[in-house]
Amino acid sequence: MLKSTYTPPPPLPPGWTEHKAPSGHTYYYNAQTKQSTYKRPIAPPVAPQAVPQPVQEQNPAYFVPGNLPPFSSTPYGPAGFGAAAGFPSNYGQGRGGFKGGRNYQDRRRREPEDRPKSKHPIPGCVPWLLVKTKLGRRFVHNPETNESFWKFPQEVLKGVVEYDRIEREKKERRERGEESEEEDVRHTVEKPEVSTAPSQPEKVEAETGAGALEDSDEYEEVEVTDSEGEEQPSKRPRTDDEPPEDGPLEFNEEDIEYQLAAMGEEYGLDPGEYGEPGEEEWEEGAEGLPLTEEDSIALFRDLLDDFQINPFTTWEKIIEEGRIIEDSRYTALPNMKSRREAWSNWSRDRIQDLKERKEKQEKKDPRIRYLAFLQEHATPKLYWPEFKRKFRKEPEMRDTKLSEKDKEKFYREHISRLKLPESTRKSDLSSLLKSVPLHLLNRSSSIQALPTPVLIDIRYISLPPKVRDPLIEAYVSTLPPAPENENMTAEEREELDKKKVEREKREKALAEREKRVEEEKIRQRGDLLRGKNLLREGEAEVEMAMRVGKEGLMSHMESNKPLREKQEGTVD
C-alpha cells in the first residue's frame, strides 16, 4: 500500500489569512496590519502572548463585506478572519517577498489613479458582478472564477443592458417622486446568511455589529479620494461613538487598484476606451492616435447615418441596443461625453432636414397631409357628414388644394379598408412597397423619409404605425443600395464625389490609427512577457544557488582540483 508523501504547510501566524488573486496566485493578508504578501508567513518560534479575542471572533455568525481583504472575491470572510495577530517577521517587505517590490504605501502612486466604488449583481448572470470605479468606468467580475473583463462578454452583455434599463427606470421614478421603501432597501446591506450562494450588496458598506443591520438607513457613504492621507477612510455607518479597534475592519479598496492596472496592462486598454466618464474627462492615451476633431465627428456622424439611427430616439436607448458599439468608428471620439454631444448635434440636423423635406412633399402633393390626418382621426364609428362636421375647423379639412369629392373618397375608402383583416392589410402594404422603384426606396431609405408614392397610397395608412413601421424597416433592410442617379447634374455629381473622397480619407486615417494602436499593444505585451521571463529566470537562478548541498560542494571542489594543482606546481 502506497503512503502519501504530502506534507501539509505549517499553520499561518495569528491574523494571517490565505486568498487567491484574480490572476490565480496565492497571497496572504493580515487584517490588523493591512499587509499583503505572496510569501507564506512563518510563525515565530516563540509562542505569542495570549490576547483577548474580539467579539466577532468568538461567535463568527457572519462576516460583512467590509471585512473582506483586498483581492477577495468571496462575499464572506474565511473562518478565523479578523483575529488579533502580531506583526510577522517579514513586515514591510515588497509584494513578492523580495527586495525591490512595491509595498502597500507605494500602491497609491501607481497610475491610473482609479479604484472601484461600488459593485452590483447583474440580472440573470449569477455570479457575475458589475463593478463601477471612481472615474465612472465599469468592468465585470466573476467571483467564482476570479475573472475580470473591461469588455463585457456576450453572455453578460444582455444582463448589463437589463441592469442599465432597471437603473434608468429607478432614476425616472425618483425624479417623479414615486420611489418606494422597497427600492430604498435595495441600496442598503441585507443581513448575510451562511449559505453556498450568498447575494452581493449593491454598495460596499461596513457595519459596527449585528445590531447595526436594523438601522441600515443610518448609513452614509464616504468617497475615497487621492488627496487624503495615508489612513484611507471607507464607507462606514454614521454612529456617535467610534467602533472599537478589535471590531469589524472597514473595507479598504486601495489594494484593488492593482487589479485595475493589471487588467489594463493585460488587455492593452486605456481609461478612455471603455466605460463612461464622470464629470471629468480622461486624457488622450491608448484609445488611439489623435485625429482632427472635425474628422472624428464626421466619422461618428457617418456611423449614425449608416446604421439609420432614428433621430427622435434617446441616446440611452441607442447605447442600450448596442448596435453601434462594435463598430470601429464608435471609438473615433475619445469619450462618452463627446459622443453624446456629436449625437445631439446630428439628431438636431437630421430632424431639421426631415422637417424641411416633409414640408416640400406636402407642398407638392396635399394628399400626404390629408391622409396623415385621416390615419389619426378617422374611425368607422363616424359617417362622412359627421366626420366632416366634427373636424370642419381643422387646417387639413379647410385646405382647398384638395377637392371635397376627393376628401370624401379617401375617407370612405380608408374606413372600408379598416374593416378588412389585418393579414390582408399587411399583404397589401407589402405589394405597395414592392411596386416602388429602387431609386426611390432602397437600403438608405428611412422610415421618417419615405418617398411620395408610398405616402399618398391609401394602403400605407390602413395599418397603425406600431404594426406598419417594423414591416417597412424589415423590408428596407433587404433592399440593395441606391443605384447611381444618371439624371444628376454636374454640380450634384461633383459634390457627391467630393463627399465620397472625404469619407474614404477619414476611414483610411482611422484604419491606420487602429493599426498603430494594435502594434503598440503587441509591443507592450511583448515587453511585459519578457520582463516576466527575466524575473522567473532570476528567481530560478537564486533558487538553484540555494540548493547547493554536500554533493554540490564536493563536485565543485573536484572540478577545481586540477586548477589548484597546476597553480601549486607553478609556485614550486
Protein backbone atom coordinates (compact mmCIF):
# COMPACT_ATOMS: atom_id res chain seq x y z
CA MET A 1 0.00 0.00 0.00
CA LEU A 2 1.43 3.37 -1.06
CA LYS A 3 1.77 6.06 1.54
CA SER A 4 1.16 9.70 0.76
CA THR A 5 4.28 11.86 0.83
CA TYR A 6 2.29 15.08 1.04
CA THR A 7 3.34 17.30 3.91
CA PRO A 8 0.82 19.97 4.86
CA PRO A 9 2.23 23.52 5.06
CA PRO A 10 2.83 24.93 8.54
CA PRO A 11 -0.06 26.88 10.02
CA LEU A 12 -0.23 30.59 9.41
CA PRO A 13 0.58 33.02 12.23
CA PRO A 14 -2.43 34.51 14.01
CA GLY A 15 -4.13 37.20 11.96
CA TRP A 16 -2.91 35.96 8.56
CA THR A 17 -5.36 34.51 6.01
CA GLU A 18 -4.78 32.85 2.63
CA HIS A 19 -6.54 34.08 -0.55
CA LYS A 20 -6.49 33.78 -4.33
CA ALA A 21 -5.79 36.81 -6.52
CA PRO A 22 -7.68 37.27 -9.85
CA SER A 23 -4.53 36.09 -11.62
CA GLY A 24 -4.66 32.75 -9.75
CA HIS A 25 -1.69 33.43 -7.48
CA THR A 26 -1.91 32.72 -3.77
CA TYR A 27 -1.32 35.64 -1.45
CA TYR A 28 -1.61 36.25 2.28
CA TYR A 29 -3.27 39.14 4.05
CA ASN A 30 -3.02 40.44 7.62
CA ALA A 31 -6.27 42.11 8.64
CA GLN A 32 -4.67 44.02 11.51
CA THR A 33 -1.59 45.39 9.76
CA LYS A 34 -3.32 45.55 6.33
CA GLN A 35 -0.26 43.96 4.75
CA SER A 36 -0.37 41.69 1.66
CA THR A 37 2.44 39.36 0.59
CA TYR A 38 2.96 36.47 -1.81
CA LYS A 39 5.43 34.76 0.57
CA ARG A 40 3.82 32.47 3.13
CA PRO A 41 4.36 33.94 6.62
CA ILE A 42 6.07 31.68 9.15
CA ALA A 43 5.01 31.64 12.77
CA PRO A 44 7.72 32.90 15.16
CA PRO A 45 9.42 30.19 17.24
CA VAL A 46 8.27 31.77 20.49
CA ALA A 47 4.57 31.44 21.11
CA PRO A 48 2.89 34.85 21.12
CA GLN A 49 1.24 36.14 24.23
CA ALA A 50 -2.42 35.45 24.58
CA VAL A 51 -4.57 38.34 23.54
CA PRO A 52 -8.29 38.80 24.09
CA GLN A 53 -10.35 37.65 21.16
CA PRO A 54 -12.69 40.21 19.54
CA VAL A 55 -16.42 39.80 19.81
CA GLN A 56 -16.78 38.80 16.17
CA GLU A 57 -14.08 36.13 16.53
CA GLN A 58 -15.83 34.50 19.48
CA ASN A 59 -19.02 34.00 17.57
CA PRO A 60 -18.43 34.46 13.83
CA ALA A 61 -22.06 34.11 12.87
CA TYR A 62 -21.47 36.09 9.70
CA PHE A 63 -18.96 38.40 8.05
CA VAL A 64 -19.94 41.63 6.42
CA PRO A 65 -18.45 42.63 3.07
CA GLY A 66 -16.46 45.36 4.81
CA ASN A 67 -14.27 42.67 6.39
CA LEU A 68 -13.01 41.41 3.07
CA PRO A 69 -9.28 41.76 2.44
CA PRO A 70 -8.03 43.16 -0.89
CA PHE A 71 -8.48 40.93 -3.96
CA SER A 72 -11.01 38.81 -2.06
CA SER A 73 -13.71 37.57 -4.40
CA THR A 74 -16.00 35.96 -1.82
CA PRO A 75 -18.77 37.93 -0.08
CA TYR A 76 -17.99 36.46 3.33
CA GLY A 77 -14.72 36.34 5.20
CA PRO A 78 -12.98 33.00 5.83
CA ALA A 79 -13.07 31.27 9.17
CA GLY A 80 -10.76 32.92 11.70
CA PHE A 81 -10.56 36.17 9.73
CA GLY A 82 -10.23 39.31 11.82
CA ALA A 83 -8.40 37.74 14.79
CA ALA A 84 -5.74 39.75 16.58
CA ALA A 85 -2.21 38.92 15.50
CA GLY A 86 1.33 40.15 15.93
CA PHE A 87 3.47 41.60 13.17
CA PRO A 88 5.23 38.91 11.10
CA SER A 89 8.99 38.87 10.66
CA ASN A 90 8.79 39.99 7.02
CA TYR A 91 6.59 43.04 7.68
CA GLY A 92 7.45 45.92 5.35
CA GLN A 93 8.86 43.79 2.54
CA GLY A 94 7.67 44.01 -1.05
CA ARG A 95 4.68 42.24 -2.53
CA GLY A 96 6.73 39.32 -3.79
CA GLY A 97 8.65 38.82 -0.56
CA PHE A 98 11.91 40.09 -2.12
CA LYS A 99 13.59 43.49 -2.22
CA GLY A 100 12.57 45.87 -4.94
CA GLY A 101 8.82 45.14 -4.81
CA ARG A 102 6.16 47.69 -4.06
CA ASN A 103 4.68 47.76 -0.61
CA TYR A 104 1.24 48.95 0.42
CA GLN A 105 2.20 52.61 0.66
CA ASP A 106 3.70 52.66 -2.84
CA ARG A 107 0.48 51.44 -4.43
CA ARG A 108 -1.16 54.83 -4.02
CA ARG A 109 1.27 56.31 -6.54
CA ARG A 110 0.53 53.75 -9.25
CA GLU A 111 -1.20 55.05 -12.41
CA PRO A 112 -4.00 55.27 -13.35
CA GLU A 113 -5.40 56.76 -10.15
CA ASP A 114 -8.64 54.81 -10.07
CA ARG A 115 -10.32 52.35 -7.75
CA PRO A 116 -13.68 50.54 -7.51
CA LYS A 117 -16.52 52.47 -5.95
CA SER A 118 -19.43 50.02 -5.93
CA LYS A 119 -20.41 46.59 -7.20
CA HIS A 120 -23.82 45.39 -8.35
CA PRO A 121 -25.26 41.96 -9.21
CA ILE A 122 -26.07 41.54 -12.90
CA PRO A 123 -29.65 40.31 -13.51
CA GLY A 124 -29.73 36.78 -14.89
CA CYS A 125 -25.94 36.43 -14.86
CA VAL A 126 -25.16 34.97 -11.43
CA PRO A 127 -22.43 35.13 -10.13
CA TRP A 128 -21.19 37.98 -12.36
CA LEU A 129 -20.86 41.42 -10.75
CA LEU A 130 -20.79 44.86 -12.38
CA VAL A 131 -18.09 46.96 -10.70
CA LYS A 132 -18.14 50.76 -11.04
CA THR A 133 -14.94 52.71 -10.43
CA LYS A 134 -14.32 56.17 -9.05
CA LEU A 135 -13.74 57.62 -12.53
CA GLY A 136 -17.01 56.17 -13.84
CA ARG A 137 -15.53 53.19 -15.68
CA ARG A 138 -17.16 49.79 -15.45
CA PHE A 139 -15.96 46.20 -15.64
CA VAL A 140 -17.45 42.79 -14.89
CA HIS A 141 -16.03 40.36 -12.33
CA ASN A 142 -16.77 36.68 -11.70
CA PRO A 143 -16.03 35.85 -8.04
CA GLU A 144 -16.17 32.09 -8.70
CA THR A 145 -13.55 32.01 -11.47
CA ASN A 146 -11.72 35.19 -10.34
CA GLU A 147 -12.02 36.63 -13.86
CA SER A 148 -12.45 40.33 -14.67
CA PHE A 149 -13.06 41.92 -18.07
CA TRP A 150 -13.25 45.51 -19.27
CA LYS A 151 -15.08 44.42 -22.42
CA PHE A 152 -18.29 42.65 -21.46
CA PRO A 153 -18.56 39.02 -22.68
CA GLN A 154 -21.54 38.20 -24.87
CA GLU A 155 -23.22 36.10 -22.16
CA VAL A 156 -23.01 39.03 -19.72
CA LEU A 157 -23.78 41.92 -22.12
CA LYS A 158 -27.55 41.29 -22.08
CA GLY A 159 -27.57 41.28 -18.30
CA VAL A 160 -25.67 44.59 -18.19
CA VAL A 161 -28.16 46.12 -20.63
CA GLU A 162 -31.02 44.90 -18.43
CA TYR A 163 -29.31 46.37 -15.36
CA ASP A 164 -28.93 49.74 -17.12
CA ARG A 165 -32.62 49.67 -18.03
CA ILE A 166 -33.64 48.96 -14.42
CA GLU A 167 -31.38 51.73 -13.12
CA ARG A 168 -32.80 54.17 -15.66
CA GLU A 169 -36.37 53.32 -14.64
CA LYS A 170 -35.48 53.75 -10.97
CA LYS A 171 -33.95 57.14 -11.76
CA GLU A 172 -37.08 58.22 -13.61
CA ARG A 173 -39.26 57.11 -10.68
CA ARG A 174 -37.10 59.08 -8.28
CA GLU A 175 -37.42 62.18 -10.46
CA ARG A 176 -41.20 61.77 -10.36
CA GLY A 177 -41.09 61.23 -6.60
CA GLU A 178 -42.51 57.69 -6.84
CA GLU A 179 -39.70 55.84 -5.09
CA SER A 180 -40.95 53.27 -2.62
CA GLU A 181 -39.44 51.94 0.59
CA GLU A 182 -38.67 48.61 -1.09
CA GLU A 183 -36.44 50.41 -3.57
CA ASP A 184 -34.67 52.19 -0.72
CA VAL A 185 -33.91 48.87 0.92
CA ARG A 186 -32.10 47.70 -2.22
CA HIS A 187 -29.39 50.29 -1.62
CA THR A 188 -28.63 49.02 1.92
CA VAL A 189 -26.83 45.93 3.10
CA GLU A 190 -29.04 42.90 3.60
CA LYS A 191 -28.16 40.68 6.56
CA PRO A 192 -25.89 37.97 5.16
CA GLU A 193 -26.57 34.35 5.95
CA VAL A 194 -24.16 31.44 5.87
CA SER A 195 -25.05 29.75 2.59
CA THR A 196 -23.38 28.40 -0.52
CA ALA A 197 -24.69 31.19 -2.77
CA PRO A 198 -24.76 34.50 -0.86
CA SER A 199 -26.09 37.61 -2.51
CA GLN A 200 -23.89 40.62 -3.27
CA PRO A 201 -24.90 44.07 -1.93
CA GLU A 202 -25.15 46.96 -4.35
CA LYS A 203 -22.96 49.24 -2.22
CA VAL A 204 -19.92 48.16 -0.26
CA GLU A 205 -20.63 49.29 3.30
CA ALA A 206 -19.38 48.37 6.77
CA GLU A 207 -21.29 47.60 9.94
CA THR A 208 -20.33 48.01 13.56
CA GLY A 209 -22.06 44.89 14.80
CA ALA A 210 -25.02 42.58 14.48
CA GLY A 211 -27.43 45.20 15.76
CA ALA A 212 -26.47 47.72 13.08
CA LEU A 213 -28.38 45.85 10.38
CA GLU A 214 -31.70 47.08 11.69
CA ASP A 215 -30.50 50.69 11.38
CA SER A 216 -29.34 50.40 7.78
CA ASP A 217 -30.99 53.71 6.89
CA GLU A 218 -28.37 55.48 9.01
CA TYR A 219 -25.58 54.63 6.59
CA GLU A 220 -23.71 57.36 4.83
CA GLU A 221 -21.21 56.99 2.03
CA VAL A 222 -17.70 58.48 2.17
CA GLU A 223 -15.82 58.54 -1.11
CA VAL A 224 -12.11 57.79 -1.05
CA THR A 225 -10.05 60.42 -2.86
CA ASP A 226 -6.40 60.57 -3.81
CA SER A 227 -5.76 63.74 -1.80
CA GLU A 228 -6.49 62.14 1.54
CA GLY A 229 -3.82 60.93 3.96
CA GLU A 230 -2.34 57.52 4.50
CA GLU A 231 -5.29 56.48 6.64
CA GLN A 232 -7.89 55.97 3.94
CA PRO A 233 -11.49 56.38 5.17
CA SER A 234 -14.02 54.00 3.69
CA LYS A 235 -17.78 53.64 3.69
CA ARG A 236 -18.94 53.28 7.29
CA PRO A 237 -22.12 53.67 9.35
CA ARG A 238 -22.97 57.02 10.84
CA THR A 239 -22.65 56.45 14.59
CA ASP A 240 -21.98 58.72 17.53
CA ASP A 241 -19.25 56.54 19.04
CA GLU A 242 -16.17 55.28 17.27
CA PRO A 243 -16.11 51.48 16.80
CA PRO A 244 -13.57 49.55 18.88
CA GLU A 245 -10.27 48.69 17.26
CA ASP A 246 -10.95 44.97 17.55
CA GLY A 247 -14.31 45.21 15.80
CA PRO A 248 -15.02 44.55 12.12
CA LEU A 249 -12.42 46.24 9.90
CA GLU A 250 -13.61 48.83 7.41
CA PHE A 251 -13.34 47.79 3.77
CA ASN A 252 -10.33 49.50 2.20
CA GLU A 253 -10.42 49.33 -1.61
CA GLU A 254 -6.93 50.76 -2.14
CA ASP A 255 -5.39 47.36 -2.89
CA ILE A 256 -7.76 46.52 -5.72
CA GLU A 257 -6.12 49.35 -7.69
CA TYR A 258 -3.52 46.76 -8.65
CA GLN A 259 -6.25 44.63 -10.20
CA LEU A 260 -7.45 47.53 -12.36
CA ALA A 261 -3.93 48.33 -13.51
CA ALA A 262 -3.18 44.67 -14.21
CA MET A 263 -6.34 44.31 -16.27
CA GLY A 264 -5.44 47.40 -18.27
CA GLU A 265 -1.93 46.10 -18.94
CA GLU A 266 -3.19 42.63 -19.85
CA TYR A 267 -5.68 43.90 -22.44
CA GLY A 268 -3.66 46.92 -23.50
CA LEU A 269 -6.56 49.21 -22.63
CA ASP A 270 -6.74 52.87 -21.71
CA PRO A 271 -9.25 54.52 -19.35
CA GLY A 272 -10.94 56.21 -22.31
CA GLU A 273 -11.50 53.07 -24.37
CA TYR A 274 -14.38 51.55 -22.40
CA GLY A 275 -16.97 52.86 -19.94
CA GLU A 276 -18.41 56.27 -19.28
CA PRO A 277 -16.52 59.14 -17.63
CA GLY A 278 -17.90 61.16 -14.79
CA GLU A 279 -17.77 64.91 -14.70
CA GLU A 280 -14.08 64.89 -15.63
CA GLU A 281 -12.75 63.69 -18.96
CA TRP A 282 -9.91 61.28 -19.49
CA GLU A 283 -6.67 62.32 -21.05
CA GLU A 284 -5.91 61.15 -24.55
CA GLY A 285 -3.91 57.93 -24.49
CA ALA A 286 -4.09 54.41 -25.82
CA GLU A 287 -7.58 54.93 -27.21
CA GLY A 288 -5.88 55.95 -30.41
CA LEU A 289 -3.57 58.32 -32.18
CA PRO A 290 -5.11 61.79 -32.49
CA LEU A 291 -7.39 62.53 -35.43
CA THR A 292 -8.58 66.02 -36.11
CA GLU A 293 -11.72 66.89 -34.21
CA GLU A 294 -13.66 67.52 -37.43
CA ASP A 295 -12.69 64.12 -38.86
CA SER A 296 -13.62 62.33 -35.64
CA ILE A 297 -17.04 63.98 -35.51
CA ALA A 298 -17.62 63.28 -39.21
CA LEU A 299 -16.74 59.59 -38.71
CA PHE A 300 -19.21 59.33 -35.85
CA ARG A 301 -21.94 61.04 -37.90
CA ASP A 302 -21.25 58.61 -40.77
CA LEU A 303 -21.72 55.79 -38.27
CA LEU A 304 -25.13 57.13 -37.22
CA ASP A 305 -26.16 57.56 -40.87
CA ASP A 306 -25.06 54.05 -41.89
CA PHE A 307 -26.99 52.42 -39.04
CA GLN A 308 -30.05 54.58 -39.87
CA ILE A 309 -30.46 55.71 -36.28
CA ASN A 310 -33.80 57.34 -35.55
CA PRO A 311 -33.04 60.99 -34.68
CA PHE A 312 -36.12 61.10 -32.45
CA THR A 313 -34.88 58.34 -30.14
CA THR A 314 -32.85 58.92 -26.96
CA TRP A 315 -29.12 58.42 -26.53
CA GLU A 316 -29.69 55.98 -23.66
CA LYS A 317 -31.80 53.74 -25.91
CA ILE A 318 -29.11 53.76 -28.61
CA ILE A 319 -26.49 52.62 -26.10
CA GLU A 320 -28.89 50.03 -24.68
CA GLU A 321 -29.40 48.49 -28.12
CA GLY A 322 -25.62 48.35 -28.56
CA ARG A 323 -25.63 48.16 -32.37
CA ILE A 324 -23.12 50.94 -32.96
CA ILE A 325 -20.73 50.00 -30.14
CA GLU A 326 -18.99 47.20 -32.06
CA ASP A 327 -18.17 49.48 -35.00
CA SER A 328 -14.62 50.84 -35.02
CA ARG A 329 -15.91 54.35 -35.75
CA TYR A 330 -17.53 54.36 -32.31
CA THR A 331 -14.09 54.98 -30.76
CA ALA A 332 -13.25 57.82 -33.15
CA LEU A 333 -14.37 60.18 -30.38
CA PRO A 334 -12.41 59.71 -27.14
CA ASN A 335 -15.17 59.52 -24.52
CA MET A 336 -18.89 59.27 -23.94
CA LYS A 337 -19.36 62.99 -23.39
CA SER A 338 -18.08 63.88 -26.86
CA ARG A 339 -20.14 61.08 -28.44
CA ARG A 340 -23.31 62.31 -26.78
CA GLU A 341 -22.61 65.86 -27.94
CA ALA A 342 -21.97 64.72 -31.53
CA TRP A 343 -25.18 62.66 -31.49
CA SER A 344 -27.15 65.64 -30.17
CA ASN A 345 -25.92 67.88 -33.00
CA TRP A 346 -26.50 65.13 -35.57
CA SER A 347 -30.08 64.46 -34.40
CA ARG A 348 -30.85 68.18 -34.43
CA ASP A 349 -29.63 68.50 -38.01
CA ARG A 350 -31.48 65.37 -39.15
CA ILE A 351 -34.76 66.49 -37.58
CA GLN A 352 -34.46 69.83 -39.34
CA ASP A 353 -33.74 68.10 -42.67
CA LEU A 354 -36.74 65.80 -42.23
CA LYS A 355 -38.96 68.75 -41.39
CA GLU A 356 -37.90 70.67 -44.48
CA ARG A 357 -38.31 67.60 -46.69
CA LYS A 358 -41.78 66.91 -45.31
CA GLU A 359 -42.86 70.49 -45.94
CA LYS A 360 -41.66 70.27 -49.53
CA GLN A 361 -43.51 66.99 -50.07
CA GLU A 362 -46.75 68.32 -48.59
CA LYS A 363 -46.45 71.47 -50.65
CA LYS A 364 -46.13 69.45 -53.84
CA ASP A 365 -48.91 66.97 -53.00
CA PRO A 366 -51.66 67.92 -50.48
CA ARG A 367 -52.79 64.29 -50.25
CA ILE A 368 -49.86 63.46 -47.94
CA ARG A 369 -51.08 65.81 -45.24
CA TYR A 370 -54.73 64.80 -45.59
CA LEU A 371 -54.06 61.05 -45.44
CA ALA A 372 -51.92 61.51 -42.33
CA PHE A 373 -54.86 63.40 -40.80
CA LEU A 374 -57.24 60.56 -41.68
CA GLN A 375 -54.94 57.99 -40.11
CA GLU A 376 -55.02 59.90 -36.84
CA HIS A 377 -58.70 60.85 -36.59
CA ALA A 378 -60.79 58.66 -38.93
CA THR A 379 -62.91 55.96 -37.26
CA PRO A 380 -65.63 53.58 -38.51
CA LYS A 381 -67.95 54.98 -35.83
CA LEU A 382 -68.43 58.21 -37.79
CA TYR A 383 -70.08 58.66 -41.17
CA TRP A 384 -68.57 61.15 -43.57
CA PRO A 385 -71.04 64.01 -42.77
CA GLU A 386 -70.41 63.56 -39.05
CA PHE A 387 -66.63 63.43 -39.52
CA LYS A 388 -66.73 66.49 -41.78
CA ARG A 389 -68.81 68.47 -39.30
CA LYS A 390 -66.67 67.45 -36.31
CA PHE A 391 -63.32 68.43 -37.87
CA ARG A 392 -64.51 71.24 -40.15
CA LYS A 393 -62.18 73.78 -38.49
CA GLU A 394 -59.01 71.71 -38.92
CA PRO A 395 -56.48 73.04 -41.48
CA GLU A 396 -56.49 69.73 -43.37
CA MET A 397 -60.27 69.90 -43.86
CA ARG A 398 -60.17 73.56 -44.93
CA ASP A 399 -57.38 73.04 -47.47
CA THR A 400 -58.73 73.98 -50.88
CA LYS A 401 -55.95 72.31 -52.85
CA LEU A 402 -57.80 69.02 -52.42
CA SER A 403 -61.42 68.91 -53.59
CA GLU A 404 -64.28 67.88 -51.27
CA LYS A 405 -65.04 64.97 -53.55
CA ASP A 406 -61.54 63.58 -53.22
CA LYS A 407 -61.62 64.06 -49.46
CA GLU A 408 -64.83 62.07 -49.17
CA LYS A 409 -63.48 59.37 -51.49
CA PHE A 410 -60.33 58.90 -49.43
CA TYR A 411 -62.33 58.81 -46.21
CA ARG A 412 -64.79 56.16 -47.37
CA GLU A 413 -62.05 54.02 -48.88
CA HIS A 414 -59.99 54.24 -45.72
CA ILE A 415 -62.93 53.29 -43.48
CA SER A 416 -63.77 50.31 -45.67
CA ARG A 417 -60.15 49.08 -45.51
CA LEU A 418 -60.12 49.34 -41.71
CA LYS A 419 -62.80 46.65 -41.65
CA LEU A 420 -60.54 44.17 -43.51
CA PRO A 421 -58.47 41.57 -41.63
CA GLU A 422 -55.04 42.73 -40.55
CA SER A 423 -53.35 39.99 -42.57
CA THR A 424 -54.96 41.33 -45.74
CA ARG A 425 -53.82 44.86 -44.98
CA LYS A 426 -50.26 43.63 -44.32
CA SER A 427 -50.26 41.82 -47.66
CA ASP A 428 -51.48 44.96 -49.43
CA LEU A 429 -48.72 47.02 -47.79
CA SER A 430 -46.11 44.52 -48.95
CA SER A 431 -47.42 44.78 -52.50
CA LEU A 432 -47.23 48.56 -52.29
CA LEU A 433 -43.58 48.51 -51.16
CA LYS A 434 -42.57 46.08 -53.91
CA SER A 435 -44.10 48.34 -56.55
CA VAL A 436 -41.92 51.33 -55.62
CA PRO A 437 -38.82 51.76 -57.86
CA LEU A 438 -35.40 51.07 -56.34
CA HIS A 439 -34.15 54.61 -56.84
CA LEU A 440 -36.99 55.85 -54.60
CA LEU A 441 -37.00 53.11 -51.96
CA ASN A 442 -33.68 51.40 -51.19
CA ARG A 443 -31.45 50.41 -48.30
CA SER A 444 -30.58 54.01 -47.49
CA SER A 445 -34.26 54.97 -47.06
CA SER A 446 -35.54 55.65 -43.55
CA ILE A 447 -38.96 55.31 -42.01
CA GLN A 448 -39.01 59.07 -41.36
CA ALA A 449 -38.39 59.98 -45.03
CA LEU A 450 -40.39 57.65 -47.25
CA PRO A 451 -40.97 58.54 -50.92
CA THR A 452 -44.13 60.29 -52.02
CA PRO A 453 -45.68 57.28 -53.88
CA VAL A 454 -45.84 55.43 -50.56
CA LEU A 455 -47.24 58.31 -48.52
CA ILE A 456 -50.14 59.07 -50.92
CA ASP A 457 -51.34 55.46 -51.15
CA ILE A 458 -54.35 54.51 -49.01
CA ARG A 459 -52.72 51.14 -48.23
CA TYR A 460 -50.00 52.95 -46.29
CA ILE A 461 -52.38 54.34 -43.64
CA SER A 462 -54.50 51.18 -43.34
CA LEU A 463 -52.20 49.79 -40.63
CA PRO A 464 -51.37 51.52 -37.34
CA PRO A 465 -47.79 52.84 -37.11
CA LYS A 466 -46.74 50.35 -34.42
CA VAL A 467 -47.55 47.50 -36.84
CA ARG A 468 -46.64 49.20 -40.11
CA ASP A 469 -43.23 50.71 -39.28
CA PRO A 470 -41.49 47.44 -38.28
CA LEU A 471 -42.71 45.82 -41.52
CA ILE A 472 -41.32 48.67 -43.61
CA GLU A 473 -37.98 48.65 -41.76
CA ALA A 474 -37.64 44.90 -42.26
CA TYR A 475 -38.36 45.22 -45.97
CA VAL A 476 -35.96 48.15 -46.45
CA SER A 477 -33.15 46.18 -44.78
CA THR A 478 -33.42 43.53 -47.53
CA LEU A 479 -33.13 46.03 -50.40
CA PRO A 480 -29.87 46.71 -52.29
CA PRO A 481 -28.17 50.10 -52.04
CA ALA A 482 -29.40 53.01 -54.12
CA PRO A 483 -28.24 52.96 -57.75
CA GLU A 484 -26.28 55.85 -59.19
CA ASN A 485 -28.58 58.59 -60.35
CA GLU A 486 -27.96 59.20 -64.03
CA ASN A 487 -30.13 62.33 -64.02
CA MET A 488 -27.87 64.20 -61.60
CA THR A 489 -26.41 67.49 -62.71
CA ALA A 490 -22.66 68.01 -62.98
CA GLU A 491 -22.60 70.10 -59.80
CA GLU A 492 -24.54 67.49 -57.81
CA ARG A 493 -22.28 64.69 -59.05
CA GLU A 494 -19.17 66.71 -58.21
CA GLU A 495 -20.48 67.40 -54.70
CA LEU A 496 -21.28 63.71 -54.21
CA ASP A 497 -17.83 62.63 -55.37
CA LYS A 498 -16.21 65.17 -53.06
CA LYS A 499 -18.09 63.82 -50.04
CA LYS A 500 -17.17 60.27 -51.02
CA VAL A 501 -13.46 61.12 -51.23
CA GLU A 502 -13.53 62.90 -47.87
CA ARG A 503 -15.24 59.93 -46.24
CA GLU A 504 -12.71 57.45 -47.66
CA LYS A 505 -9.91 59.66 -46.39
CA ARG A 506 -11.37 59.71 -42.87
CA GLU A 507 -11.90 55.96 -42.79
CA LYS A 508 -8.35 55.36 -44.02
CA ALA A 509 -6.94 57.58 -41.27
CA LEU A 510 -8.99 55.69 -38.68
CA ALA A 511 -7.76 52.33 -40.01
CA GLU A 512 -4.14 53.49 -39.83
CA ARG A 513 -4.64 54.71 -36.28
CA GLU A 514 -6.13 51.38 -35.20
CA LYS A 515 -3.24 49.53 -36.84
CA ARG A 516 -0.67 51.59 -34.95
CA VAL A 517 -2.54 51.17 -31.69
CA GLU A 518 -2.65 47.39 -32.18
CA GLU A 519 1.08 47.31 -32.92
CA GLU A 520 1.76 49.32 -29.77
CA LYS A 521 -0.38 46.93 -27.72
CA ILE A 522 1.51 43.94 -29.11
CA ARG A 523 4.82 45.62 -28.28
CA GLN A 524 3.70 46.36 -24.74
CA ARG A 525 2.51 42.79 -24.22
CA GLY A 526 5.86 41.53 -25.54
CA ASP A 527 7.77 43.77 -23.14
CA LEU A 528 5.60 42.56 -20.28
CA LEU A 529 6.20 38.90 -21.15
CA ARG A 530 9.94 39.46 -21.50
CA GLY A 531 10.03 41.15 -18.12
CA LYS A 532 8.17 38.26 -16.52
CA ASN A 533 10.54 35.74 -18.13
CA LEU A 534 13.59 37.63 -16.85
CA LEU A 535 12.07 37.72 -13.39
CA ARG A 536 11.38 33.97 -13.44
CA GLU A 537 14.91 33.25 -14.67
CA GLY A 538 16.37 35.33 -11.85
CA GLU A 539 14.25 33.54 -9.28
CA ALA A 540 15.27 30.16 -10.72
CA GLU A 541 18.97 31.07 -10.52
CA VAL A 542 18.63 32.17 -6.91
CA GLU A 543 16.72 29.01 -6.02
CA MET A 544 19.31 26.81 -7.74
CA ALA A 545 22.14 28.57 -5.93
CA MET A 546 20.42 27.97 -2.60
CA ARG A 547 20.05 24.24 -3.30
CA VAL A 548 23.84 23.52 -3.20
CA GLY A 549 24.35 20.70 -0.69
CA LYS A 550 27.18 18.39 0.31
CA GLU A 551 27.35 16.68 -3.07
CA GLY A 552 27.34 20.03 -4.83
CA LEU A 553 30.31 21.28 -2.78
CA MET A 554 32.31 18.08 -3.35
CA SER A 555 31.75 18.18 -7.10
CA HIS A 556 32.73 21.83 -7.13
CA MET A 557 35.97 21.04 -5.30
CA GLU A 558 36.75 18.08 -7.58
CA SER A 559 36.24 20.20 -10.70
CA ASN A 560 38.66 22.84 -9.38
CA LYS A 561 41.30 20.33 -8.13
CA PRO A 562 43.41 20.25 -11.40
CA LEU A 563 43.49 24.02 -11.43
CA ARG A 564 44.76 24.17 -7.84
CA GLU A 565 47.45 21.53 -8.52
CA LYS A 566 48.64 23.46 -11.55
CA GLN A 567 48.83 26.65 -9.53
CA GLU A 568 50.80 24.89 -6.74
CA GLY A 569 53.28 23.45 -9.29
CA THR A 570 53.88 26.86 -10.74
CA VAL A 571 54.66 28.27 -7.32
CA ASP A 572 57.17 25.50 -6.56
